Amino acid sequence: MHNFLKNFYYIITVITLIFLLKINYAMADDTLLGLNATAKHYCTCIFISNIEKDYCDSSYDLIMASTDADLLNQIKMIGYEVDFEKKEIIIKHEDYKIKSTFSEQTGCYFKK
């Protein structure tokens, strides 16, 4: 009986570790989600809707108003680059480089 309990303990420990490891990978990084949403918003606003930057900025503020204020301020400080020739929105932050590209066939999509 003692060996059974010991083996059972090890099995439960391994299953728990695997479960926790998968949860960590499954949980999305708020910063990455915010950067992706920002790149997609500006790509859609500027290249699909052909709206001016100031209006895109104000509509972004309205859309993101319900998110974490610290995250929103952090993303606004980072800013974004617009490449009108390649029709790309680029946001760089730490290890992240988010690039949302517009094409007539697919609309806005993420590119590595």
Protein backbone atom coordinates (compact mmCIF):
# COMPACT_ATOMS: atom_id res chain seq x y z
CA MET A 1 0.00 0.00 0.00
CA HIS A 2 2.87 2.37 0.78
CA ASN A 3 4.34 2.00 -2.74
CA PHE A 4 0.94 2.61 -4.26
CA LEU A 5 0.54 5.91 -2.37
CA LYS A 6 4.07 6.96 -3.26
CA ASN A 7 3.50 6.22 -6.97
CA PHE A 8 0.11 7.92 -6.83
CA TYR A 9 1.75 11.01 -5.33
CA TYR A 10 4.35 11.11 -8.12
CA ILE A 11 1.72 10.68 -10.81
CA ILE A 12 -0.41 13.49 -9.36
CA THR A 13 2.66 15.73 -9.08
CA VAL A 14 3.65 15.13 -12.72
CA ILE A 15 0.10 15.71 -13.96
CA THR A 16 -0.16 18.92 -11.94
CA LEU A 17 3.16 20.21 -13.29
CA ILE A 18 2.13 19.43 -16.87
CA PHE A 19 -1.23 21.13 -16.30
CA LEU A 20 0.38 24.25 -14.81
CA LEU A 21 2.93 24.40 -17.62
CA LYS A 22 0.19 24.25 -20.25
CA ILE A 23 -1.82 26.95 -18.46
CA ASN A 24 1.21 29.27 -18.50
CA TYR A 25 1.58 28.82 -22.24
CA ALA A 26 -2.14 29.23 -22.81
CA MET A 27 -2.39 32.48 -20.87
CA ALA A 28 -1.98 35.41 -23.24
CA ASP A 29 0.48 38.17 -22.55
CA ASP A 30 -1.49 41.41 -22.06
CA THR A 31 1.22 43.50 -23.67
CA LEU A 32 1.30 41.33 -26.79
CA LEU A 33 -2.50 41.41 -27.05
CA GLY A 34 -2.49 45.19 -26.70
CA LEU A 35 0.23 45.60 -29.33
CA ASN A 36 -1.59 43.30 -31.75
CA ALA A 37 -4.89 45.14 -31.23
CA THR A 38 -3.14 48.47 -31.74
CA ALA A 39 -1.42 47.39 -34.96
CA LYS A 40 -4.65 45.92 -36.32
CA HIS A 41 -6.65 49.03 -35.42
CA TYR A 42 -4.26 51.43 -37.13
CA CYS A 43 -3.88 49.21 -40.17
CA THR A 44 -7.65 49.03 -40.59
CA CYS A 45 -8.20 52.70 -39.81
CA ILE A 46 -5.47 54.09 -42.05
CA PHE A 47 -5.28 51.68 -44.99
CA ILE A 48 -8.79 50.20 -45.24
CA SER A 49 -10.89 53.12 -44.03
CA ASN A 50 -8.50 55.82 -45.34
CA ILE A 51 -9.07 57.90 -42.21
CA GLU A 52 -6.60 60.51 -41.00
CA LYS A 53 -4.20 59.74 -38.15
CA ASP A 54 -5.84 62.14 -35.65
CA TYR A 55 -9.23 60.47 -36.03
CA CYS A 56 -7.60 57.02 -35.78
CA ASP A 57 -5.92 58.13 -32.54
CA SER A 58 -9.18 59.36 -31.00
CA SER A 59 -11.13 56.28 -32.07
CA TYR A 60 -8.34 54.09 -30.63
CA ASP A 61 -8.71 55.89 -27.29
CA LEU A 62 -12.46 55.19 -27.32
CA ILE A 63 -12.00 51.52 -28.20
CA MET A 64 -9.26 50.91 -25.65
CA ALA A 65 -10.89 52.95 -22.85
CA SER A 66 -12.14 49.80 -21.15
CA THR A 67 -8.67 48.22 -20.97
CA ASP A 68 -6.05 48.60 -18.26
CA ALA A 69 -5.07 52.29 -18.14
CA ASP A 70 -1.40 51.50 -17.44
CA LEU A 71 -1.22 49.20 -20.45
CA LEU A 72 -2.92 51.79 -22.66
CA ASN A 73 -0.50 54.53 -21.56
CA GLN A 74 2.45 52.22 -22.08
CA ILE A 75 1.33 51.37 -25.63
CA LYS A 76 0.68 55.03 -26.45
CA MET A 77 4.21 55.93 -25.28
CA ILE A 78 5.68 53.27 -27.57
CA GLY A 79 3.88 54.64 -30.59
CA TYR A 80 3.82 53.10 -34.04
CA GLU A 81 5.43 53.62 -37.43
CA VAL A 82 3.47 53.89 -40.66
CA ASP A 83 5.09 52.79 -43.91
CA PHE A 84 2.75 54.05 -46.62
CA GLU A 85 4.86 52.53 -49.41
CA LYS A 86 4.67 48.99 -47.99
CA LYS A 87 1.28 49.67 -46.33
CA GLU A 88 2.50 48.49 -42.93
CA ILE A 89 1.99 49.47 -39.31
CA ILE A 90 5.05 48.58 -37.21
CA ILE A 91 5.25 48.58 -33.43
CA LYS A 92 8.49 47.70 -31.65
CA HIS A 93 8.66 47.05 -27.93
CA GLU A 94 11.33 45.03 -26.10
CA ASP A 95 11.38 41.59 -27.79
CA TYR A 96 8.20 42.27 -29.76
CA LYS A 97 8.06 43.54 -33.32
CA ILE A 98 4.46 43.63 -34.49
CA LYS A 99 3.82 44.27 -38.15
CA SER A 100 0.32 44.56 -39.58
CA THR A 101 0.33 44.68 -43.37
CA PHE A 102 -2.48 45.62 -45.74
CA SER A 103 -3.11 43.96 -49.08
CA GLU A 104 -6.11 44.22 -51.38
CA GLN A 105 -6.65 40.44 -51.29
CA THR A 106 -6.51 39.80 -47.55
CA GLY A 107 -7.02 43.14 -45.83
CA CYS A 108 -4.86 43.64 -42.73
CA TYR A 109 -2.84 40.67 -41.56
CA PHE A 110 0.10 40.05 -39.24
CA LYS A 111 3.50 39.44 -40.72
CA LYS A 112 6.66 38.22 -39.02
